[in-house]
Amino acid sequence: MASLLARPCSLLCSTSTSTTRTPAPFSAGTLNVRGVRRVPGLASRLSSGSRGATTVRASGNDGEKVVYNKEFGYSRKDVLIITFGLIALGYALYYGLQATGMEAGLAGNWVQLIIFMGICVGWVSTYIYRVATKQMTYVKQLEQYEEAVMQKRVEEMTEAEISELAGEVEADKQRRMAARQAAKRE
């Protein structure tokens, strides 16, 4: 483990140029910069010049409420239910096949095949369904981004621009309705 940490931390390690490198001393949530050699040009980017402990945070909360996905399959509880359900299904199939007169080894093989193929076919079918209905993560993120951009643009518009845009939308609706009525007459 130390050898994995030594390479990324080689710029922050001791001043000696020996082949043995020790990683920079870290503690949970803080970067301890005491006793670490400062590399010219790099020191200004790492800290503000003080030699004390600097708190490192991945992100702030900024008072935003966290929204959790409540759909089935997205929580630990749901994953545990699915896991134990599959295990129970395996046991039920195994003992069910043995009750019908099948040998234990052959029943185990059939249970493995059925469970494995069921999981594979089930998983692939959910992926195909999500692709067909465009319910993929990327598409959802793109739609959310486009909505946020449009909402921001509308917020930045003046009342005159909003009323002009509403007039254009209404004129476009009337043009489309006229075109549909003309197509119905033909």
N, C-alpha and C. Protein backbone atom coordinates (compact mmCIF):
# COMPACT_ATOMS: atom_id res chain seq x y z
N MET A 1 0.83 -1.19 0.00
CA MET A 1 0.00 0.00 0.00
C MET A 1 0.87 1.24 0.00
N ALA A 2 1.96 1.20 0.75
CA ALA A 2 2.84 2.37 0.83
C ALA A 2 3.44 2.68 -0.53
N SER A 3 3.75 1.65 -1.32
CA SER A 3 4.33 1.90 -2.63
C SER A 3 3.33 2.57 -3.57
N LEU A 4 2.04 2.28 -3.40
CA LEU A 4 1.03 2.92 -4.22
C LEU A 4 0.89 4.39 -3.87
N LEU A 5 1.04 4.73 -2.59
CA LEU A 5 0.93 6.12 -2.16
C LEU A 5 2.21 6.90 -2.42
N ALA A 6 3.34 6.22 -2.54
CA ALA A 6 4.62 6.90 -2.66
C ALA A 6 4.73 7.65 -3.99
N ARG A 7 4.28 7.10 -5.07
CA ARG A 7 4.45 7.74 -6.37
C ARG A 7 3.66 9.05 -6.48
N PRO A 8 2.35 9.09 -6.17
CA PRO A 8 1.64 10.37 -6.28
C PRO A 8 2.14 11.40 -5.28
N CYS A 9 2.67 10.94 -4.18
CA CYS A 9 3.11 11.86 -3.13
C CYS A 9 4.58 12.18 -3.24
N SER A 10 5.26 11.78 -4.31
CA SER A 10 6.70 11.95 -4.40
C SER A 10 7.11 13.41 -4.38
N LEU A 11 6.27 14.32 -4.87
CA LEU A 11 6.60 15.74 -4.83
C LEU A 11 6.48 16.32 -3.44
N LEU A 12 5.71 15.68 -2.58
CA LEU A 12 5.47 16.19 -1.23
C LEU A 12 6.32 15.50 -0.18
N CYS A 13 7.13 14.54 -0.57
CA CYS A 13 7.85 13.73 0.42
C CYS A 13 9.10 14.43 0.91
N SER A 14 9.89 13.70 1.69
CA SER A 14 11.07 14.26 2.35
C SER A 14 12.05 14.85 1.35
N THR A 15 13.01 15.67 1.86
CA THR A 15 13.94 16.40 1.01
C THR A 15 15.04 15.51 0.47
N SER A 16 15.25 14.34 1.02
CA SER A 16 16.33 13.48 0.54
C SER A 16 15.98 12.92 -0.82
N THR A 17 17.01 12.62 -1.60
CA THR A 17 16.81 12.08 -2.94
C THR A 17 17.05 10.58 -2.96
N SER A 18 16.89 9.92 -1.83
CA SER A 18 17.10 8.48 -1.75
C SER A 18 15.99 7.76 -2.50
N THR A 19 16.19 6.48 -2.75
CA THR A 19 15.22 5.70 -3.51
C THR A 19 14.02 5.32 -2.67
N THR A 20 14.15 5.35 -1.36
CA THR A 20 12.99 5.02 -0.53
C THR A 20 12.18 6.28 -0.31
N ARG A 21 10.93 6.22 -0.64
CA ARG A 21 10.04 7.36 -0.49
C ARG A 21 8.96 7.01 0.51
N THR A 22 8.61 7.97 1.30
CA THR A 22 7.50 7.78 2.23
C THR A 22 6.39 8.72 1.84
N PRO A 23 5.17 8.29 1.92
CA PRO A 23 4.07 9.17 1.54
C PRO A 23 3.92 10.31 2.54
N ALA A 24 3.30 11.38 2.07
CA ALA A 24 3.04 12.52 2.95
C ALA A 24 2.10 12.09 4.06
N PRO A 25 2.30 12.59 5.27
CA PRO A 25 1.44 12.18 6.38
C PRO A 25 0.04 12.77 6.24
N PHE A 26 -0.96 11.94 6.26
CA PHE A 26 -2.35 12.37 6.14
C PHE A 26 -3.12 11.89 7.36
N SER A 27 -4.17 12.60 7.69
CA SER A 27 -5.11 12.14 8.69
C SER A 27 -6.50 12.33 8.14
N ALA A 28 -7.49 11.74 8.74
CA ALA A 28 -8.85 11.77 8.23
C ALA A 28 -9.38 13.19 8.15
N GLY A 29 -9.64 13.67 6.95
CA GLY A 29 -10.27 14.96 6.76
C GLY A 29 -9.32 16.14 6.74
N THR A 30 -8.06 15.97 7.13
CA THR A 30 -7.13 17.10 7.11
C THR A 30 -5.86 16.68 6.41
N LEU A 31 -5.21 17.64 5.81
CA LEU A 31 -3.92 17.42 5.17
C LEU A 31 -2.87 18.02 6.09
N ASN A 32 -2.02 17.19 6.64
CA ASN A 32 -1.00 17.66 7.57
C ASN A 32 0.20 18.08 6.75
N VAL A 33 0.51 19.37 6.74
CA VAL A 33 1.62 19.86 5.93
C VAL A 33 2.85 20.16 6.76
N ARG A 34 2.89 19.76 8.04
CA ARG A 34 4.08 19.94 8.87
C ARG A 34 5.12 18.90 8.48
N GLY A 35 6.33 19.30 8.36
CA GLY A 35 7.42 18.38 8.09
C GLY A 35 7.45 17.89 6.66
N VAL A 36 6.75 18.53 5.77
CA VAL A 36 6.74 18.12 4.37
C VAL A 36 7.53 19.14 3.58
N ARG A 37 8.40 18.68 2.71
CA ARG A 37 9.21 19.57 1.89
C ARG A 37 8.32 20.30 0.91
N ARG A 38 8.52 21.58 0.78
CA ARG A 38 7.74 22.39 -0.15
C ARG A 38 8.51 22.49 -1.47
N VAL A 39 7.88 22.10 -2.55
CA VAL A 39 8.47 22.17 -3.87
C VAL A 39 8.24 23.57 -4.41
N PRO A 40 9.27 24.25 -4.95
CA PRO A 40 9.08 25.60 -5.46
C PRO A 40 8.00 25.62 -6.56
N GLY A 41 7.10 26.57 -6.47
CA GLY A 41 6.01 26.68 -7.43
C GLY A 41 4.80 25.86 -7.05
N LEU A 42 5.03 24.75 -6.36
CA LEU A 42 3.93 23.88 -5.96
C LEU A 42 3.36 24.31 -4.61
N ALA A 43 4.20 24.90 -3.78
CA ALA A 43 3.77 25.28 -2.44
C ALA A 43 2.63 26.29 -2.47
N SER A 44 2.69 27.23 -3.38
CA SER A 44 1.64 28.24 -3.42
C SER A 44 0.31 27.65 -3.84
N ARG A 45 0.33 26.57 -4.60
CA ARG A 45 -0.92 25.93 -5.01
C ARG A 45 -1.48 25.03 -3.92
N LEU A 46 -0.63 24.50 -3.04
CA LEU A 46 -1.08 23.57 -2.02
C LEU A 46 -1.66 24.25 -0.81
N SER A 47 -1.08 25.34 -0.38
CA SER A 47 -1.58 26.01 0.81
C SER A 47 -1.35 27.49 0.69
N SER A 48 -1.87 28.23 1.64
CA SER A 48 -1.73 29.69 1.61
C SER A 48 -0.42 30.15 2.24
N GLY A 49 0.48 29.27 2.50
CA GLY A 49 1.77 29.63 3.05
C GLY A 49 1.92 29.28 4.52
N SER A 50 0.88 28.92 5.20
CA SER A 50 0.99 28.55 6.61
C SER A 50 1.45 27.10 6.71
N ARG A 51 2.07 26.80 7.86
CA ARG A 51 2.57 25.44 8.06
C ARG A 51 1.67 24.65 9.00
N GLY A 52 0.43 25.07 9.19
CA GLY A 52 -0.50 24.37 10.06
C GLY A 52 -1.27 23.32 9.27
N ALA A 53 -2.22 22.68 9.93
CA ALA A 53 -3.06 21.69 9.27
C ALA A 53 -4.17 22.41 8.50
N THR A 54 -4.40 21.98 7.28
CA THR A 54 -5.41 22.58 6.42
C THR A 54 -6.54 21.60 6.25
N THR A 55 -7.77 22.05 6.47
CA THR A 55 -8.92 21.19 6.30
C THR A 55 -9.23 21.06 4.82
N VAL A 56 -9.44 19.82 4.37
CA VAL A 56 -9.75 19.55 2.97
C VAL A 56 -11.16 18.99 2.90
N ARG A 57 -12.03 19.61 2.10
CA ARG A 57 -13.39 19.15 1.94
C ARG A 57 -13.68 18.89 0.48
N ALA A 58 -14.39 17.83 0.17
CA ALA A 58 -14.72 17.51 -1.22
C ALA A 58 -15.72 18.51 -1.78
N SER A 59 -16.75 18.83 -1.02
CA SER A 59 -17.75 19.79 -1.48
C SER A 59 -18.51 20.32 -0.27
N GLY A 60 -19.07 21.49 -0.45
CA GLY A 60 -19.87 22.08 0.61
C GLY A 60 -21.33 21.78 0.39
N ASN A 61 -22.14 21.96 1.42
CA ASN A 61 -23.56 21.68 1.32
C ASN A 61 -24.33 22.86 0.77
N ASP A 62 -23.88 24.08 1.04
CA ASP A 62 -24.49 25.31 0.55
C ASP A 62 -25.99 25.37 0.86
N GLY A 63 -26.47 24.65 1.84
CA GLY A 63 -27.87 24.71 2.23
C GLY A 63 -28.83 24.03 1.28
N GLU A 64 -28.34 23.36 0.25
CA GLU A 64 -29.23 22.69 -0.69
C GLU A 64 -29.73 21.38 -0.09
N LYS A 65 -31.00 21.10 -0.29
CA LYS A 65 -31.59 19.86 0.23
C LYS A 65 -31.20 18.71 -0.69
N VAL A 66 -30.78 17.61 -0.11
CA VAL A 66 -30.40 16.43 -0.86
C VAL A 66 -31.67 15.66 -1.21
N VAL A 67 -31.80 15.29 -2.49
CA VAL A 67 -32.97 14.55 -2.95
C VAL A 67 -32.53 13.12 -3.23
N TYR A 68 -33.14 12.17 -2.52
CA TYR A 68 -32.80 10.77 -2.69
C TYR A 68 -33.79 10.11 -3.64
N ASN A 69 -33.31 9.13 -4.41
CA ASN A 69 -34.16 8.39 -5.32
C ASN A 69 -34.96 7.37 -4.51
N LYS A 70 -36.27 7.42 -4.60
CA LYS A 70 -37.15 6.56 -3.81
C LYS A 70 -37.64 5.34 -4.60
N GLU A 71 -37.17 5.19 -5.86
CA GLU A 71 -37.60 4.04 -6.66
C GLU A 71 -37.02 2.76 -6.09
N PHE A 72 -37.70 1.64 -6.36
CA PHE A 72 -37.24 0.34 -5.86
C PHE A 72 -35.92 -0.02 -6.53
N GLY A 73 -34.96 -0.49 -5.73
CA GLY A 73 -33.69 -0.95 -6.24
C GLY A 73 -32.57 0.05 -6.06
N TYR A 74 -32.84 1.22 -5.50
CA TYR A 74 -31.83 2.25 -5.35
C TYR A 74 -31.37 2.46 -3.92
N SER A 75 -31.81 1.65 -2.99
CA SER A 75 -31.36 1.79 -1.61
C SER A 75 -30.72 0.48 -1.16
N ARG A 76 -29.98 0.54 -0.07
CA ARG A 76 -29.34 -0.66 0.46
C ARG A 76 -30.37 -1.71 0.84
N LYS A 77 -31.47 -1.25 1.42
CA LYS A 77 -32.53 -2.17 1.82
C LYS A 77 -33.06 -2.93 0.61
N ASP A 78 -33.28 -2.22 -0.49
CA ASP A 78 -33.79 -2.88 -1.70
C ASP A 78 -32.78 -3.87 -2.27
N VAL A 79 -31.51 -3.50 -2.25
CA VAL A 79 -30.48 -4.41 -2.75
C VAL A 79 -30.42 -5.66 -1.89
N LEU A 80 -30.53 -5.50 -0.57
CA LEU A 80 -30.54 -6.67 0.31
C LEU A 80 -31.76 -7.53 0.07
N ILE A 81 -32.91 -6.92 -0.16
CA ILE A 81 -34.14 -7.68 -0.45
C ILE A 81 -33.97 -8.48 -1.73
N ILE A 82 -33.42 -7.86 -2.77
CA ILE A 82 -33.20 -8.55 -4.04
C ILE A 82 -32.22 -9.70 -3.84
N THR A 83 -31.13 -9.44 -3.12
CA THR A 83 -30.11 -10.48 -2.89
C THR A 83 -30.68 -11.67 -2.15
N PHE A 84 -31.35 -11.41 -1.02
CA PHE A 84 -31.91 -12.52 -0.25
C PHE A 84 -33.04 -13.20 -1.00
N GLY A 85 -33.76 -12.46 -1.83
CA GLY A 85 -34.80 -13.06 -2.66
C GLY A 85 -34.21 -14.04 -3.67
N LEU A 86 -33.09 -13.66 -4.29
CA LEU A 86 -32.44 -14.56 -5.25
C LEU A 86 -31.87 -15.80 -4.55
N ILE A 87 -31.31 -15.60 -3.35
CA ILE A 87 -30.80 -16.75 -2.60
C ILE A 87 -31.94 -17.69 -2.23
N ALA A 88 -33.05 -17.12 -1.76
CA ALA A 88 -34.21 -17.94 -1.40
C ALA A 88 -34.76 -18.67 -2.62
N LEU A 89 -34.79 -17.98 -3.77
CA LEU A 89 -35.25 -18.63 -5.01
C LEU A 89 -34.35 -19.80 -5.37
N GLY A 90 -33.03 -19.61 -5.19
CA GLY A 90 -32.09 -20.69 -5.47
C GLY A 90 -32.32 -21.90 -4.58
N TYR A 91 -32.50 -21.66 -3.29
CA TYR A 91 -32.78 -22.77 -2.37
C TYR A 91 -34.10 -23.45 -2.71
N ALA A 92 -35.12 -22.66 -3.01
CA ALA A 92 -36.42 -23.23 -3.34
C ALA A 92 -36.34 -24.09 -4.59
N LEU A 93 -35.64 -23.59 -5.62
CA LEU A 93 -35.48 -24.39 -6.84
C LEU A 93 -34.69 -25.66 -6.56
N TYR A 94 -33.60 -25.52 -5.79
CA TYR A 94 -32.75 -26.67 -5.51
C TYR A 94 -33.53 -27.77 -4.80
N TYR A 95 -34.20 -27.42 -3.72
CA TYR A 95 -34.93 -28.44 -2.98
C TYR A 95 -36.20 -28.87 -3.72
N GLY A 96 -36.76 -27.98 -4.51
CA GLY A 96 -37.92 -28.36 -5.33
C GLY A 96 -37.55 -29.39 -6.39
N LEU A 97 -36.39 -29.18 -7.03
CA LEU A 97 -35.94 -30.15 -8.03
C LEU A 97 -35.57 -31.48 -7.38
N GLN A 98 -35.00 -31.43 -6.19
CA GLN A 98 -34.68 -32.67 -5.48
C GLN A 98 -35.97 -33.39 -5.08
N ALA A 99 -37.00 -32.65 -4.74
CA ALA A 99 -38.28 -33.26 -4.35
C ALA A 99 -38.94 -33.97 -5.53
N THR A 100 -38.64 -33.50 -6.75
CA THR A 100 -39.20 -34.16 -7.94
C THR A 100 -38.40 -35.38 -8.34
N GLY A 101 -37.29 -35.69 -7.62
CA GLY A 101 -36.54 -36.90 -7.90
C GLY A 101 -35.20 -36.66 -8.56
N MET A 102 -34.78 -35.42 -8.75
CA MET A 102 -33.50 -35.13 -9.40
C MET A 102 -32.37 -35.27 -8.38
N GLU A 103 -31.20 -35.73 -8.84
CA GLU A 103 -30.04 -35.87 -7.97
C GLU A 103 -29.59 -34.48 -7.49
N ALA A 104 -28.91 -34.45 -6.35
CA ALA A 104 -28.50 -33.18 -5.75
C ALA A 104 -27.53 -32.41 -6.65
N GLY A 105 -26.54 -33.08 -7.22
CA GLY A 105 -25.56 -32.42 -8.09
C GLY A 105 -26.19 -31.85 -9.34
N LEU A 106 -27.06 -32.64 -9.97
CA LEU A 106 -27.74 -32.19 -11.17
C LEU A 106 -28.71 -31.05 -10.86
N ALA A 107 -29.38 -31.13 -9.71
CA ALA A 107 -30.29 -30.05 -9.30
C ALA A 107 -29.50 -28.76 -9.08
N GLY A 108 -28.33 -28.86 -8.47
CA GLY A 108 -27.48 -27.69 -8.26
C GLY A 108 -27.05 -27.05 -9.57
N ASN A 109 -26.70 -27.89 -10.55
CA ASN A 109 -26.32 -27.37 -11.87
C ASN A 109 -27.48 -26.64 -12.54
N TRP A 110 -28.66 -27.22 -12.48
CA TRP A 110 -29.84 -26.59 -13.09
C TRP A 110 -30.19 -25.28 -12.39
N VAL A 111 -30.07 -25.25 -11.07
CA VAL A 111 -30.36 -24.03 -10.33
C VAL A 111 -29.37 -22.93 -10.72
N GLN A 112 -28.09 -23.27 -10.80
CA GLN A 112 -27.09 -22.29 -11.23
C GLN A 112 -27.40 -21.75 -12.61
N LEU A 113 -27.73 -22.64 -13.53
CA LEU A 113 -28.05 -22.22 -14.89
C LEU A 113 -29.27 -21.32 -14.93
N ILE A 114 -30.33 -21.71 -14.24
CA ILE A 114 -31.57 -20.93 -14.25
C ILE A 114 -31.36 -19.56 -13.61
N ILE A 115 -30.71 -19.52 -12.45
CA ILE A 115 -30.49 -18.24 -11.76
C ILE A 115 -29.57 -17.35 -12.60
N PHE A 116 -28.48 -17.90 -13.10
CA PHE A 116 -27.53 -17.11 -13.88
C PHE A 116 -28.18 -16.56 -15.15
N MET A 117 -28.87 -17.42 -15.89
CA MET A 117 -29.51 -16.97 -17.13
C MET A 117 -30.64 -15.98 -16.81
N GLY A 118 -31.35 -16.20 -15.72
CA GLY A 118 -32.41 -15.27 -15.34
C GLY A 118 -31.86 -13.89 -15.03
N ILE A 119 -30.76 -13.85 -14.29
CA ILE A 119 -30.14 -12.57 -13.97
C ILE A 119 -29.62 -11.90 -15.24
N CYS A 120 -28.93 -12.65 -16.09
CA CYS A 120 -28.37 -12.06 -17.31
C CYS A 120 -29.47 -11.54 -18.23
N VAL A 121 -30.46 -12.39 -18.52
CA VAL A 121 -31.55 -11.98 -19.41
C VAL A 121 -32.33 -10.82 -18.79
N GLY A 122 -32.56 -10.90 -17.48
CA GLY A 122 -33.29 -9.82 -16.82
C GLY A 122 -32.54 -8.51 -16.87
N TRP A 123 -31.27 -8.54 -16.61
CA TRP A 123 -30.47 -7.31 -16.62
C TRP A 123 -30.38 -6.72 -18.02
N VAL A 124 -30.09 -7.57 -19.01
CA VAL A 124 -29.99 -7.08 -20.39
C VAL A 124 -31.33 -6.54 -20.87
N SER A 125 -32.43 -7.19 -20.48
CA SER A 125 -33.74 -6.70 -20.91
C SER A 125 -34.06 -5.34 -20.29
N THR A 126 -33.65 -5.09 -19.04
CA THR A 126 -33.88 -3.77 -18.46
C THR A 126 -33.05 -2.71 -19.18
N TYR A 127 -31.85 -3.07 -19.60
CA TYR A 127 -31.02 -2.12 -20.34
C TYR A 127 -31.66 -1.81 -21.69
N ILE A 128 -32.10 -2.84 -22.39
CA ILE A 128 -32.75 -2.63 -23.70
C ILE A 128 -34.00 -1.79 -23.54
N TYR A 129 -34.78 -2.02 -22.48
CA TYR A 129 -35.97 -1.23 -22.22
C TYR A 129 -35.61 0.24 -21.98
N ARG A 130 -34.57 0.48 -21.17
CA ARG A 130 -34.17 1.86 -20.90
C ARG A 130 -33.67 2.57 -22.15
N VAL A 131 -32.97 1.84 -23.02
CA VAL A 131 -32.51 2.43 -24.28
C VAL A 131 -33.70 2.75 -25.18
N ALA A 132 -34.64 1.81 -25.28
CA ALA A 132 -35.80 2.00 -26.15
C ALA A 132 -36.68 3.15 -25.69
N THR A 133 -36.82 3.32 -24.38
CA THR A 133 -37.68 4.38 -23.85
C THR A 133 -36.90 5.65 -23.53
N LYS A 134 -35.60 5.67 -23.85
CA LYS A 134 -34.72 6.83 -23.59
C LYS A 134 -34.73 7.23 -22.12
N GLN A 135 -34.68 6.26 -21.24
CA GLN A 135 -34.63 6.50 -19.80
C GLN A 135 -33.22 6.28 -19.26
N MET A 136 -32.22 6.50 -20.09
CA MET A 136 -30.84 6.31 -19.67
C MET A 136 -30.37 7.52 -18.86
N THR A 137 -29.35 7.33 -18.05
CA THR A 137 -28.84 8.38 -17.18
C THR A 137 -28.39 9.58 -17.98
N TYR A 138 -27.67 9.36 -19.08
CA TYR A 138 -27.16 10.47 -19.88
C TYR A 138 -28.30 11.31 -20.45
N VAL A 139 -29.32 10.66 -20.96
CA VAL A 139 -30.46 11.37 -21.53
C VAL A 139 -31.17 12.19 -20.46
N LYS A 140 -31.35 11.60 -19.28
CA LYS A 140 -31.99 12.33 -18.17
C LYS A 140 -31.16 13.54 -17.77
N GLN A 141 -29.84 13.36 -17.66
CA GLN A 141 -28.98 14.47 -17.28
C GLN A 141 -29.01 15.57 -18.33
N LEU A 142 -29.03 15.18 -19.62
CA LEU A 142 -29.08 16.16 -20.69
C LEU A 142 -30.39 16.94 -20.65
N GLU A 143 -31.50 16.26 -20.41
CA GLU A 143 -32.80 16.94 -20.32
C GLU A 143 -32.82 17.90 -19.14
N GLN A 144 -32.29 17.46 -17.98
CA GLN A 144 -32.25 18.34 -16.81
C GLN A 144 -31.38 19.56 -17.07
N TYR A 145 -30.27 19.36 -17.76
CA TYR A 145 -29.39 20.48 -18.08
C TYR A 145 -30.08 21.46 -19.03
N GLU A 146 -30.74 20.94 -20.06
CA GLU A 146 -31.43 21.81 -21.00
C GLU A 146 -32.54 22.59 -20.32
N GLU A 147 -33.28 21.95 -19.41
CA GLU A 147 -34.32 22.64 -18.66
C GLU A 147 -33.73 23.74 -17.79
N ALA A 148 -32.62 23.46 -17.14
CA ALA A 148 -31.98 24.46 -16.27
C ALA A 148 -31.49 25.65 -17.09
N VAL A 149 -30.93 25.38 -18.27
CA VAL A 149 -30.44 26.47 -19.12
C VAL A 149 -31.61 27.32 -19.60
N MET A 150 -32.69 26.69 -20.03
CA MET A 150 -33.85 27.45 -20.50
C MET A 150 -34.47 28.25 -19.36
N GLN A 151 -34.55 27.68 -18.17
CA GLN A 151 -35.10 28.39 -17.03
C GLN A 151 -34.24 29.60 -16.69
N LYS A 152 -32.93 29.43 -16.74
CA LYS A 152 -32.01 30.54 -16.46
C LYS A 152 -32.19 31.64 -17.50
N ARG A 153 -32.33 31.27 -18.78
CA ARG A 153 -32.53 32.27 -19.84
C ARG A 153 -33.83 33.03 -19.64
N VAL A 154 -34.90 32.33 -19.26
CA VAL A 154 -36.18 32.98 -19.04
C VAL A 154 -36.09 33.93 -17.84
N GLU A 155 -35.37 33.52 -16.79
CA GLU A 155 -35.21 34.39 -15.62
C GLU A 155 -34.46 35.67 -15.97
N GLU A 156 -33.54 35.59 -16.92
CA GLU A 156 -32.74 36.75 -17.29
C GLU A 156 -33.46 37.67 -18.28
N MET A 157 -34.59 37.21 -18.86
CA MET A 157 -35.31 38.03 -19.84
C MET A 157 -36.12 39.12 -19.15
N THR A 158 -36.30 40.23 -19.87
CA THR A 158 -37.15 41.30 -19.37
C THR A 158 -38.60 40.96 -19.68
N GLU A 159 -39.52 41.73 -19.10
CA GLU A 159 -40.95 41.50 -19.34
C GLU A 159 -41.30 41.68 -20.81
N ALA A 160 -40.68 42.66 -21.45
CA ALA A 160 -40.95 42.92 -22.87
C ALA A 160 -40.51 41.72 -23.73
N GLU A 161 -39.33 41.16 -23.42
CA GLU A 161 -38.84 40.00 -24.17
C GLU A 161 -39.73 38.79 -23.95
N ILE A 162 -40.22 38.61 -22.72
CA ILE A 162 -41.10 37.48 -22.42
C ILE A 162 -42.41 37.62 -23.17
N SER A 163 -43.00 38.82 -23.19
CA SER A 163 -44.26 39.01 -23.92
C SER A 163 -44.05 38.85 -25.43
N GLU A 164 -42.90 39.29 -25.95
CA GLU A 164 -42.59 39.11 -27.37
C GLU A 164 -42.46 37.62 -27.69
N LEU A 165 -41.79 36.88 -26.82
CA LEU A 165 -41.63 35.43 -27.01
C LEU A 165 -42.98 34.73 -26.96
N ALA A 166 -43.84 35.14 -26.01
CA ALA A 166 -45.17 34.55 -25.91
C ALA A 166 -45.98 34.82 -27.17
N GLY A 167 -45.84 36.02 -27.74
CA GLY A 167 -46.52 36.35 -28.99
C GLY A 167 -46.04 35.49 -30.14
N GLU A 168 -44.72 35.25 -30.20
CA GLU A 168 -44.16 34.39 -31.25
C GLU A 168 -44.67 32.96 -31.10
N VAL A 169 -44.74 32.46 -29.87
CA VAL A 169 -45.23 31.10 -29.63
C VAL A 169 -46.69 30.99 -30.04
N GLU A 170 -47.49 31.99 -29.70
CA GLU A 170 -48.91 31.99 -30.06
C GLU A 170 -49.09 32.03 -31.57
N ALA A 171 -48.28 32.85 -32.25
CA ALA A 171 -48.35 32.92 -33.72
C ALA A 171 -47.95 31.60 -34.34
N ASP A 172 -46.94 30.95 -33.77
CA ASP A 172 -46.50 29.65 -34.28
C ASP A 172 -47.59 28.60 -34.09
N LYS A 173 -48.28 28.63 -32.95
CA LYS A 173 -49.39 27.69 -32.70
C LYS A 173 -50.50 27.89 -33.73
N GLN A 174 -50.84 29.14 -34.00
CA GLN A 174 -51.90 29.43 -34.97
C GLN A 174 -51.50 28.98 -36.36
N ARG A 175 -50.23 29.17 -36.74
CA ARG A 175 -49.75 28.69 -38.05
C ARG A 175 -49.87 27.18 -38.15
N ARG A 176 -49.48 26.48 -37.09
CA ARG A 176 -49.57 25.01 -37.10
C ARG A 176 -51.01 24.54 -37.18
N MET A 177 -51.90 25.18 -36.43
CA MET A 177 -53.32 24.81 -36.47
C MET A 177 -53.90 25.04 -37.86
N ALA A 178 -53.52 26.15 -38.52
CA ALA A 178 -53.99 26.44 -39.88
C ALA A 178 -53.47 25.40 -40.85
N ALA A 179 -52.21 24.98 -40.67
CA ALA A 179 -51.64 23.97 -41.56
C ALA A 179 -52.33 22.62 -41.37
N ARG A 180 -52.67 22.26 -40.13
CA ARG A 180 -53.37 21.00 -39.87
C ARG A 180 -54.77 21.02 -40.47
N GLN A 181 -55.46 22.16 -40.32
CA GLN A 181 -56.81 22.26 -40.88
C GLN A 181 -56.78 22.20 -42.39
N ALA A 182 -55.75 22.79 -43.00
CA ALA A 182 -55.62 22.74 -44.46
C ALA A 182 -55.32 21.31 -44.92
N ALA A 183 -54.53 20.58 -44.12
CA ALA A 183 -54.20 19.19 -44.47
C ALA A 183 -55.44 18.30 -44.34
N LYS A 184 -56.32 18.59 -43.37
CA LYS A 184 -57.55 17.81 -43.19
C LYS A 184 -58.51 18.04 -44.32
N ARG A 185 -58.57 19.25 -44.88
CA ARG A 185 -59.49 19.59 -45.97
C ARG A 185 -59.11 18.87 -47.25
N GLU A 186 -57.83 18.59 -47.40
CA GLU A 186 -57.37 17.96 -48.66
C GLU A 186 -57.61 16.50 -48.70
